[in-house]
Amino acid sequence: MKRPLIAFLTVFLVAALVPQTAAAAVGIKGGLALSTLDFSAAAEAPPITNLKAPVGGVFFSIGIGPISIEPEFLYVRMGGHAAEGADWMEDHLDYIQVPLLLKIRMVPGPVSPMIYGGGYGSYLLAAKEVSSTSGVTTTTDIKDQTKSTDYGVTFGGGIDFRLPVVKLSAEVRYNLGLDNIAKNPTAGVWVKNRSLMVLVGLGF
């Protein structure tokens, strides 16, 4: 848990040093994540479909004109779902994810389309494999098979609604994991996180 705390303190230290002309805001953000796992051919994994899970956390925004830098601290569940007939299996990989985004508002005004991109780092909190066979559900801890960190790139877009007191946002983003999250994999085997997120935010 030390890494998320260090990242959290770093963001607020940077915020204290930004120019006084910059506009700053904090807020909350949440929504739905559709996650899957991308396997190498050598992994011989079953077909994986999207795992649906909630995502939520806080964000901090530092903006000058149409450009802003926005670090976030999100709880996300990555993983995937596989099924064969009535039997199914899911990997539940729970992370604290820290994206750092560069956002550009395309049109000035109270309603503004925006695009953004950046990178993220994640710290693994828990990893479990949940399976159901012949109606019997079992849960297996797989944290010892999964790396404690992950990183990747994020890109997306949406709309900002600037009201007199608060700012609302609606956005869609894609997370592309770049690291092999399998711990001590055999040669040619890799597993990477992928996720599509639909989010709404409330800033102050």
C-alpha atoms as a PDB file:
ATOM      1  CA  MET A   1       0.000   0.000   0.000  1.00  0.00           C
ATOM      2  CA  LYS A   2       3.037   2.322   0.125  1.00  0.00           C
ATOM      3  CA  ARG A   3       3.106   3.037  -3.623  1.00  0.00           C
ATOM      4  CA  PRO A   4      -0.439   4.468  -3.894  1.00  0.00           C
ATOM      5  CA  LEU A   5       0.245   6.632  -0.824  1.00  0.00           C
ATOM      6  CA  ILE A   6       3.485   7.981  -2.327  1.00  0.00           C
ATOM      7  CA  ALA A   7       1.682   8.744  -5.596  1.00  0.00           C
ATOM      8  CA  PHE A   8      -1.136  10.486  -3.714  1.00  0.00           C
ATOM      9  CA  LEU A   9       1.287  12.713  -1.785  1.00  0.00           C
ATOM     10  CA  THR A  10       3.249  13.508  -4.937  1.00  0.00           C
ATOM     11  CA  VAL A  11       0.141  14.805  -6.715  1.00  0.00           C
ATOM     12  CA  PHE A  12      -0.725  17.174  -3.915  1.00  0.00           C
ATOM     13  CA  LEU A  13       2.870  18.408  -3.703  1.00  0.00           C
ATOM     14  CA  VAL A  14       2.755  19.229  -7.404  1.00  0.00           C
ATOM     15  CA  ALA A  15      -0.605  20.927  -6.912  1.00  0.00           C
ATOM     16  CA  ALA A  16       0.912  23.196  -4.275  1.00  0.00           C
ATOM     17  CA  LEU A  17       3.578  24.344  -6.738  1.00  0.00           C
ATOM     18  CA  VAL A  18       1.387  25.150  -9.754  1.00  0.00           C
ATOM     19  CA  PRO A  19       1.058  28.800 -10.883  1.00  0.00           C
ATOM     20  CA  GLN A  20      -1.584  30.900  -9.188  1.00  0.00           C
ATOM     21  CA  THR A  21      -3.167  31.601 -12.617  1.00  0.00           C
ATOM     22  CA  ALA A  22      -3.985  27.933 -13.065  1.00  0.00           C
ATOM     23  CA  ALA A  23      -7.521  26.695 -12.430  1.00  0.00           C
ATOM     24  CA  ALA A  24      -7.693  23.746 -10.049  1.00  0.00           C
ATOM     25  CA  ALA A  25     -10.522  21.385  -9.192  1.00  0.00           C
ATOM     26  CA  VAL A  26     -11.094  18.154  -7.309  1.00  0.00           C
ATOM     27  CA  GLY A  27     -13.907  15.687  -7.697  1.00  0.00           C
ATOM     28  CA  ILE A  28     -15.223  12.157  -7.783  1.00  0.00           C
ATOM     29  CA  LYS A  29     -15.600   9.842 -10.749  1.00  0.00           C
ATOM     30  CA  GLY A  30     -17.285   6.486 -11.276  1.00  0.00           C
ATOM     31  CA  GLY A  31     -18.859   4.185 -13.791  1.00  0.00           C
ATOM     32  CA  LEU A  32     -18.581   0.770 -15.423  1.00  0.00           C
ATOM     33  CA  ALA A  33     -15.518  -1.123 -16.670  1.00  0.00           C
ATOM     34  CA  LEU A  34     -15.655  -3.849 -19.323  1.00  0.00           C
ATOM     35  CA  SER A  35     -12.376  -5.726 -18.895  1.00  0.00           C
ATOM     36  CA  THR A  36     -10.728  -8.609 -20.666  1.00  0.00           C
ATOM     37  CA  LEU A  37      -7.354 -10.350 -20.759  1.00  0.00           C
ATOM     38  CA  ASP A  38      -5.175 -10.589 -23.847  1.00  0.00           C
ATOM     39  CA  PHE A  39      -3.148 -13.815 -23.976  1.00  0.00           C
ATOM     40  CA  SER A  40      -0.231 -14.760 -26.181  1.00  0.00           C
ATOM     41  CA  ALA A  41      -0.777 -17.694 -28.529  1.00  0.00           C
ATOM     42  CA  ALA A  42       1.534 -19.824 -26.384  1.00  0.00           C
ATOM     43  CA  ALA A  43      -0.756 -19.356 -23.358  1.00  0.00           C
ATOM     44  CA  GLU A  44      -3.456 -21.615 -24.884  1.00  0.00           C
ATOM     45  CA  ALA A  45      -6.187 -19.767 -22.990  1.00  0.00           C
ATOM     46  CA  PRO A  46      -9.927 -20.302 -23.556  1.00  0.00           C
ATOM     47  CA  PRO A  47     -11.922 -17.571 -25.360  1.00  0.00           C
ATOM     48  CA  ILE A  48     -12.266 -14.633 -22.958  1.00  0.00           C
ATOM     49  CA  THR A  49     -15.189 -12.193 -22.931  1.00  0.00           C
ATOM     50  CA  ASN A  50     -15.758  -8.976 -21.033  1.00  0.00           C
ATOM     51  CA  LEU A  51     -15.937  -8.902 -17.243  1.00  0.00           C
ATOM     52  CA  LYS A  52     -18.323  -6.168 -16.057  1.00  0.00           C
ATOM     53  CA  ALA A  53     -17.430  -4.365 -12.818  1.00  0.00           C
ATOM     54  CA  PRO A  54     -17.853  -0.927 -11.220  1.00  0.00           C
ATOM     55  CA  VAL A  55     -14.984   1.561 -11.133  1.00  0.00           C
ATOM     56  CA  GLY A  56     -14.676   4.683  -8.998  1.00  0.00           C
ATOM     57  CA  GLY A  57     -12.367   7.115  -7.259  1.00  0.00           C
ATOM     58  CA  VAL A  58     -11.198  10.717  -7.106  1.00  0.00           C
ATOM     59  CA  PHE A  59      -9.465  13.101  -9.508  1.00  0.00           C
ATOM     60  CA  PHE A  60      -7.524  16.351  -9.346  1.00  0.00           C
ATOM     61  CA  SER A  61      -7.422  18.816 -12.254  1.00  0.00           C
ATOM     62  CA  ILE A  62      -4.911  21.588 -12.975  1.00  0.00           C
ATOM     63  CA  GLY A  63      -5.834  23.616 -16.052  1.00  0.00           C
ATOM     64  CA  ILE A  64      -4.625  26.629 -18.005  1.00  0.00           C
ATOM     65  CA  GLY A  65      -6.956  27.629 -20.819  1.00  0.00           C
ATOM     66  CA  PRO A  66      -8.235  24.626 -22.799  1.00  0.00           C
ATOM     67  CA  ILE A  67      -5.505  22.279 -21.522  1.00  0.00           C
ATOM     68  CA  SER A  68      -5.492  20.486 -18.177  1.00  0.00           C
ATOM     69  CA  ILE A  69      -3.479  17.807 -16.422  1.00  0.00           C
ATOM     70  CA  GLU A  70      -5.595  15.363 -14.442  1.00  0.00           C
ATOM     71  CA  PRO A  71      -4.231  12.697 -12.111  1.00  0.00           C
ATOM     72  CA  GLU A  72      -6.767  10.187 -10.793  1.00  0.00           C
ATOM     73  CA  PHE A  73      -6.918   7.524  -8.094  1.00  0.00           C
ATOM     74  CA  LEU A  74      -9.340   4.767  -9.071  1.00  0.00           C
ATOM     75  CA  TYR A  75     -10.389   1.391  -7.736  1.00  0.00           C
ATOM     76  CA  VAL A  76     -10.759  -0.862 -10.771  1.00  0.00           C
ATOM     77  CA  ARG A  77     -11.422  -4.558 -11.327  1.00  0.00           C
ATOM     78  CA  MET A  78      -9.635  -6.029 -14.316  1.00  0.00           C
ATOM     79  CA  GLY A  79      -9.903  -9.616 -15.512  1.00  0.00           C
ATOM     80  CA  GLY A  80     -12.046 -11.641 -17.870  1.00  0.00           C
ATOM     81  CA  HIS A  81     -14.905 -14.112 -18.191  1.00  0.00           C
ATOM     82  CA  ALA A  82     -14.861 -17.496 -19.942  1.00  0.00           C
ATOM     83  CA  ALA A  83     -17.790 -19.904 -20.284  1.00  0.00           C
ATOM     84  CA  GLU A  84     -18.509 -23.318 -21.717  1.00  0.00           C
ATOM     85  CA  GLY A  85     -22.149 -24.316 -21.494  1.00  0.00           C
ATOM     86  CA  ALA A  86     -23.385 -23.707 -17.953  1.00  0.00           C
ATOM     87  CA  ASP A  87     -19.847 -23.733 -16.522  1.00  0.00           C
ATOM     88  CA  TRP A  88     -17.881 -20.504 -16.271  1.00  0.00           C
ATOM     89  CA  MET A  89     -14.683 -18.993 -14.885  1.00  0.00           C
ATOM     90  CA  GLU A  90     -13.691 -15.411 -14.053  1.00  0.00           C
ATOM     91  CA  ASP A  91     -10.421 -13.770 -13.073  1.00  0.00           C
ATOM     92  CA  HIS A  92     -10.946 -10.871 -10.639  1.00  0.00           C
ATOM     93  CA  LEU A  93      -7.876  -8.595 -10.484  1.00  0.00           C
ATOM     94  CA  ASP A  94      -8.487  -5.660  -8.132  1.00  0.00           C
ATOM     95  CA  TYR A  95      -6.182  -2.659  -8.576  1.00  0.00           C
ATOM     96  CA  ILE A  96      -5.602   0.851  -7.350  1.00  0.00           C
ATOM     97  CA  GLN A  97      -5.010   2.559 -10.689  1.00  0.00           C
ATOM     98  CA  VAL A  98      -3.328   5.972 -10.971  1.00  0.00           C
ATOM     99  CA  PRO A  99      -3.807   7.515 -14.444  1.00  0.00           C
ATOM    100  CA  LEU A 100      -2.071  10.779 -15.379  1.00  0.00           C
ATOM    101  CA  LEU A 101      -4.028  12.393 -18.222  1.00  0.00           C
ATOM    102  CA  LEU A 102      -3.507  15.357 -20.549  1.00  0.00           C
ATOM    103  CA  LYS A 103      -6.943  16.705 -21.467  1.00  0.00           C
ATOM    104  CA  ILE A 104      -7.761  19.162 -24.277  1.00  0.00           C
ATOM    105  CA  ARG A 105     -11.154  20.880 -24.454  1.00  0.00           C
ATOM    106  CA  MET A 106     -12.027  21.252 -28.126  1.00  0.00           C
ATOM    107  CA  VAL A 107     -14.560  24.098 -27.856  1.00  0.00           C
ATOM    108  CA  PRO A 108     -14.669  26.805 -25.149  1.00  0.00           C
ATOM    109  CA  GLY A 109     -17.900  27.343 -23.292  1.00  0.00           C
ATOM    110  CA  PRO A 110     -20.195  25.685 -20.750  1.00  0.00           C
ATOM    111  CA  VAL A 111     -20.574  22.544 -22.912  1.00  0.00           C
ATOM    112  CA  SER A 112     -17.249  21.414 -24.307  1.00  0.00           C
ATOM    113  CA  PRO A 113     -16.215  18.222 -26.115  1.00  0.00           C
ATOM    114  CA  MET A 114     -12.799  16.999 -24.961  1.00  0.00           C
ATOM    115  CA  ILE A 115     -10.182  14.414 -25.804  1.00  0.00           C
ATOM    116  CA  TYR A 116      -7.387  13.089 -23.617  1.00  0.00           C
ATOM    117  CA  GLY A 117      -4.594  10.612 -23.332  1.00  0.00           C
ATOM    118  CA  GLY A 118      -1.876   9.550 -20.942  1.00  0.00           C
ATOM    119  CA  GLY A 119      -0.495   6.672 -18.986  1.00  0.00           C
ATOM    120  CA  TYR A 120      -1.327   4.781 -15.840  1.00  0.00           C
ATOM    121  CA  GLY A 121       0.289   2.686 -13.162  1.00  0.00           C
ATOM    122  CA  SER A 122      -1.582   0.136 -11.051  1.00  0.00           C
ATOM    123  CA  TYR A 123      -0.993  -1.636  -7.759  1.00  0.00           C
ATOM    124  CA  LEU A 124      -2.614  -5.042  -7.243  1.00  0.00           C
ATOM    125  CA  LEU A 125      -4.774  -5.387  -4.129  1.00  0.00           C
ATOM    126  CA  ALA A 126      -6.232  -8.857  -4.702  1.00  0.00           C
ATOM    127  CA  ALA A 127      -6.346 -11.532  -7.410  1.00  0.00           C
ATOM    128  CA  LYS A 128      -8.864 -14.364  -7.399  1.00  0.00           C
ATOM    129  CA  GLU A 129     -10.129 -16.969  -9.832  1.00  0.00           C
ATOM    130  CA  VAL A 130     -13.846 -17.665  -9.396  1.00  0.00           C
ATOM    131  CA  SER A 131     -15.266 -20.685 -11.200  1.00  0.00           C
ATOM    132  CA  SER A 132     -18.558 -22.554 -11.353  1.00  0.00           C
ATOM    133  CA  THR A 133     -18.663 -26.212 -12.391  1.00  0.00           C
ATOM    134  CA  SER A 134     -21.906 -28.198 -12.307  1.00  0.00           C
ATOM    135  CA  GLY A 135     -23.433 -25.457 -10.177  1.00  0.00           C
ATOM    136  CA  VAL A 136     -20.638 -25.508  -7.553  1.00  0.00           C
ATOM    137  CA  THR A 137     -18.746 -22.205  -7.199  1.00  0.00           C
ATOM    138  CA  THR A 138     -15.177 -22.091  -5.915  1.00  0.00           C
ATOM    139  CA  THR A 139     -12.757 -19.205  -5.332  1.00  0.00           C
ATOM    140  CA  THR A 140      -8.976 -19.564  -5.604  1.00  0.00           C
ATOM    141  CA  ASP A 141      -6.424 -16.944  -4.606  1.00  0.00           C
ATOM    142  CA  ILE A 142      -4.056 -16.350  -7.562  1.00  0.00           C
ATOM    143  CA  LYS A 143      -2.167 -13.339  -6.221  1.00  0.00           C
ATOM    144  CA  ASP A 144       1.035 -15.384  -6.095  1.00  0.00           C
ATOM    145  CA  GLN A 145       0.676 -15.925  -9.871  1.00  0.00           C
ATOM    146  CA  THR A 146       0.102 -12.244 -10.682  1.00  0.00           C
ATOM    147  CA  LYS A 147       2.543  -9.328 -10.661  1.00  0.00           C
ATOM    148  CA  SER A 148       1.870  -6.723  -7.986  1.00  0.00           C
ATOM    149  CA  THR A 149       2.067  -3.838 -10.500  1.00  0.00           C
ATOM    150  CA  ASP A 150       0.856  -3.043 -13.997  1.00  0.00           C
ATOM    151  CA  TYR A 151       1.203  -0.091 -16.362  1.00  0.00           C
ATOM    152  CA  GLY A 152      -0.208   1.018 -19.684  1.00  0.00           C
ATOM    153  CA  VAL A 153      -1.673   3.823 -21.779  1.00  0.00           C
ATOM    154  CA  THR A 154      -5.107   5.425 -21.660  1.00  0.00           C
ATOM    155  CA  PHE A 155      -6.986   7.431 -24.275  1.00  0.00           C
ATOM    156  CA  GLY A 156     -10.542   8.607 -24.678  1.00  0.00           C
ATOM    157  CA  GLY A 157     -12.940  11.502 -24.930  1.00  0.00           C
ATOM    158  CA  GLY A 158     -16.223  12.922 -23.751  1.00  0.00           C
ATOM    159  CA  ILE A 159     -18.070  16.103 -22.838  1.00  0.00           C
ATOM    160  CA  ASP A 160     -17.580  18.580 -19.979  1.00  0.00           C
ATOM    161  CA  PHE A 161     -20.594  20.472 -18.637  1.00  0.00           C
ATOM    162  CA  ARG A 162     -19.553  23.579 -16.697  1.00  0.00           C
ATOM    163  CA  LEU A 163     -22.277  24.743 -14.309  1.00  0.00           C
ATOM    164  CA  PRO A 164     -22.100  27.756 -11.956  1.00  0.00           C
ATOM    165  CA  VAL A 165     -20.841  25.736  -8.963  1.00  0.00           C
ATOM    166  CA  VAL A 166     -19.847  22.284 -10.237  1.00  0.00           C
ATOM    167  CA  LYS A 167     -18.510  20.624 -13.374  1.00  0.00           C
ATOM    168  CA  LEU A 168     -20.077  17.461 -14.762  1.00  0.00           C
ATOM    169  CA  SER A 169     -18.357  15.166 -17.219  1.00  0.00           C
ATOM    170  CA  ALA A 170     -19.244  12.093 -19.247  1.00  0.00           C
ATOM    171  CA  GLU A 171     -16.488  10.106 -20.938  1.00  0.00           C
ATOM    172  CA  VAL A 172     -15.421   6.868 -22.545  1.00  0.00           C
ATOM    173  CA  ARG A 173     -11.847   5.597 -22.344  1.00  0.00           C
ATOM    174  CA  TYR A 174      -9.768   2.605 -23.309  1.00  0.00           C
ATOM    175  CA  ASN A 175      -6.961   1.199 -21.164  1.00  0.00           C
ATOM    176  CA  LEU A 176      -4.247  -0.736 -22.964  1.00  0.00           C
ATOM    177  CA  GLY A 177      -2.024  -2.681 -20.580  1.00  0.00           C
ATOM    178  CA  LEU A 178       1.610  -2.930 -21.676  1.00  0.00           C
ATOM    179  CA  ASP A 179       3.097  -5.177 -19.009  1.00  0.00           C
ATOM    180  CA  ASN A 180       2.958  -8.957 -18.768  1.00  0.00           C
ATOM    181  CA  ILE A 181       1.013  -9.414 -15.532  1.00  0.00           C
ATOM    182  CA  ALA A 182       1.877 -13.120 -15.207  1.00  0.00           C
ATOM    183  CA  LYS A 183       4.482 -13.722 -12.521  1.00  0.00           C
ATOM    184  CA  ASN A 184       7.390 -15.980 -13.572  1.00  0.00           C
ATOM    185  CA  PRO A 185       5.843 -16.906 -16.959  1.00  0.00           C
ATOM    186  CA  THR A 186       7.234 -19.620 -19.194  1.00  0.00           C
ATOM    187  CA  ALA A 187       8.893 -18.583 -22.459  1.00  0.00           C
ATOM    188  CA  GLY A 188       6.485 -17.075 -24.953  1.00  0.00           C
ATOM    189  CA  VAL A 189       3.606 -16.721 -22.479  1.00  0.00           C
ATOM    190  CA  TRP A 190       2.185 -13.312 -21.610  1.00  0.00           C
ATOM    191  CA  VAL A 191      -1.078 -11.928 -20.254  1.00  0.00           C
ATOM    192  CA  LYS A 192      -2.058  -8.258 -20.544  1.00  0.00           C
ATOM    193  CA  ASN A 193      -4.961  -6.203 -19.227  1.00  0.00           C
ATOM    194  CA  ARG A 194      -7.466  -4.491 -21.511  1.00  0.00           C
ATOM    195  CA  SER A 195     -10.512  -2.463 -20.486  1.00  0.00           C
ATOM    196  CA  LEU A 196     -13.169  -0.109 -21.804  1.00  0.00           C
ATOM    197  CA  MET A 197     -14.586   2.328 -19.232  1.00  0.00           C
ATOM    198  CA  VAL A 198     -17.699   4.504 -19.257  1.00  0.00           C
ATOM    199  CA  LEU A 199     -17.389   7.183 -16.576  1.00  0.00           C
ATOM    200  CA  VAL A 200     -19.216  10.185 -15.152  1.00  0.00           C
ATOM    201  CA  GLY A 201     -17.540  12.794 -12.972  1.00  0.00           C
ATOM    202  CA  LEU A 202     -18.503  15.550 -10.566  1.00  0.00           C
ATOM    203  CA  GLY A 203     -15.915  18.276  -9.944  1.00  0.00           C
ATOM    204  CA  PHE A 204     -15.784  21.225  -7.542  1.00  0.00           C
END
